[in-house]
């Protein structure tokens, strides 16, 4: 497997879909629920990329995303979010790229860009 990606989502089925997609594209993907376990895993494993699903407005998920974002300032971050929320999230997570989660082609292209592999 290739570069490592930590996917954090509160939707297990969507997480499985992302893992299959990313592994098909040659990446090593680990999917976790938001919270302390995801933060501990990120600090221990030091993934090459964080892929954070902020698909629905939920303060606990955003808090978990913020903790991950702050804990690994050297790691690229992609936020999956509804277009109506992307502007606000870009201000909150300045170094992150935002992508609509339902657009899997855009997700893969963003992952490749973030990891310096071209789109």
Protein backbone atom coordinates (compact mmCIF):
# COMPACT_ATOMS: atom_id res chain seq x y z
CA UNK A 1 0.00 0.00 0.00
CA UNK A 2 0.97 3.60 -0.55
CA UNK A 3 0.81 6.71 1.58
CA UNK A 4 -1.31 6.56 4.73
CA UNK A 5 -4.59 8.40 5.14
CA UNK A 6 -6.60 8.67 8.35
CA UNK A 7 -10.28 9.06 7.51
CA UNK A 8 -12.42 10.37 10.35
CA UNK A 9 -16.18 10.14 9.92
CA UNK A 10 -19.22 9.52 12.09
CA UNK A 11 -20.83 7.54 9.24
CA UNK A 12 -19.36 3.99 9.25
CA UNK A 13 -20.83 3.04 5.85
CA UNK A 14 -19.40 6.18 4.23
CA UNK A 15 -16.07 5.45 5.92
CA UNK A 16 -16.01 1.95 4.43
CA UNK A 17 -16.78 3.41 0.99
CA UNK A 18 -13.92 5.90 1.32
CA UNK A 19 -11.52 3.19 2.50
CA UNK A 20 -12.33 0.97 -0.49
CA UNK A 21 -12.01 3.89 -2.90
CA UNK A 22 -8.70 5.07 -1.44
CA UNK A 23 -7.24 1.57 -1.30
CA UNK A 24 -8.28 1.01 -4.93
CA UNK A 25 -6.33 4.19 -5.74
CA UNK A 26 -3.25 2.75 -4.00
CA UNK A 27 -3.42 4.45 -0.60
CA UNK A 28 -3.44 2.85 2.85
CA UNK A 29 -6.61 4.11 4.54
CA UNK A 30 -7.62 3.75 8.17
CA UNK A 31 -11.17 4.79 9.15
CA UNK A 32 -12.07 5.93 12.64
CA UNK A 33 -14.96 7.58 14.44
CA UNK A 34 -14.32 11.13 15.68
CA UNK A 35 -13.01 11.40 19.22
CA UNK A 36 -10.12 10.55 21.49
CA UNK A 37 -9.28 7.26 19.75
CA UNK A 38 -8.86 8.99 16.39
CA UNK A 39 -6.68 11.67 17.98
CA UNK A 40 -4.52 9.05 19.73
CA UNK A 41 -4.17 7.05 16.50
CA UNK A 42 -3.19 10.17 14.55
CA UNK A 43 -0.56 11.12 17.10
CA UNK A 44 0.87 7.59 17.18
CA UNK A 45 0.73 6.64 13.50
CA UNK A 46 1.39 10.11 11.99
CA UNK A 47 -0.62 9.66 8.78
CA UNK A 48 0.44 11.37 5.57
CA UNK A 49 -3.02 12.95 5.24
CA UNK A 50 -6.11 13.60 7.36
CA UNK A 51 -9.45 13.24 5.57
CA UNK A 52 -12.13 14.63 7.87
CA UNK A 53 -15.82 14.20 7.11
CA UNK A 54 -17.75 17.26 8.25
CA UNK A 55 -20.71 16.42 6.08
CA UNK A 56 -23.34 17.44 8.57
CA UNK A 57 -23.29 20.25 11.08
CA UNK A 58 -22.41 18.64 14.39
CA UNK A 59 -20.35 20.51 16.94
CA UNK A 60 -18.78 17.35 18.42
CA UNK A 61 -17.48 16.26 15.00
CA UNK A 62 -16.10 19.76 14.34
CA UNK A 63 -14.43 19.78 17.75
CA UNK A 64 -12.78 16.43 17.00
CA UNK A 65 -11.68 17.73 13.59
CA UNK A 66 -10.24 20.87 15.21
CA UNK A 67 -8.28 18.77 17.72
CA UNK A 68 -6.81 16.64 14.93
CA UNK A 69 -6.04 19.71 12.83
CA UNK A 70 -4.18 21.37 15.71
CA UNK A 71 -2.37 18.20 16.86
CA UNK A 72 -0.75 17.57 13.47
CA UNK A 73 0.13 20.95 11.95
CA UNK A 74 2.53 19.37 9.47
CA UNK A 75 -0.07 16.98 8.02
CA UNK A 76 -2.22 18.05 5.05
CA UNK A 77 -5.96 18.11 5.74
CA UNK A 78 -8.96 17.64 3.48
CA UNK A 79 -12.41 18.46 4.81
CA UNK A 80 -15.45 16.81 3.27
CA UNK A 81 -18.34 19.23 3.61
CA UNK A 82 -21.49 20.47 1.99
CA UNK A 83 -20.79 23.45 -0.30
CA UNK A 84 -22.97 25.70 1.86
CA UNK A 85 -20.53 25.26 4.78
CA UNK A 86 -17.23 25.37 2.91
CA UNK A 87 -16.57 29.10 3.18
CA UNK A 88 -16.90 29.08 6.98
CA UNK A 89 -14.81 25.92 7.29
CA UNK A 90 -12.03 27.40 5.12
CA UNK A 91 -11.77 30.28 7.59
CA UNK A 92 -11.71 27.92 10.58
CA UNK A 93 -9.30 25.40 9.02
CA UNK A 94 -7.04 27.72 7.01
CA UNK A 95 -4.57 25.16 5.68
CA UNK A 96 -7.23 22.59 4.74
CA UNK A 97 -8.78 21.99 1.36
CA UNK A 98 -12.55 21.58 1.31
CA UNK A 99 -14.30 19.16 -1.03
CA UNK A 100 -17.88 18.04 -1.40
CA UNK A 101 -17.90 14.54 0.11
CA UNK A 102 -20.31 13.07 -2.40
CA UNK A 103 -17.99 13.84 -5.31
CA UNK A 104 -15.59 10.89 -5.14
CA UNK A 105 -13.65 12.03 -8.22
CA UNK A 106 -12.98 15.38 -6.52
CA UNK A 107 -12.03 13.60 -3.28
CA UNK A 108 -9.41 11.45 -5.04
CA UNK A 109 -8.08 14.46 -6.96
CA UNK A 110 -7.79 16.45 -3.71
CA UNK A 111 -5.98 13.57 -2.02
CA UNK A 112 -3.49 13.37 -4.87
CA UNK A 113 -2.90 17.15 -4.80
CA UNK A 114 -2.47 17.19 -1.03
CA UNK A 115 0.09 14.40 -1.23
CA UNK A 116 1.92 16.00 -4.13
CA UNK A 117 0.96 13.30 -6.61
CA UNK A 118 -0.82 15.54 -9.11
CA UNK A 119 -4.50 15.31 -9.92
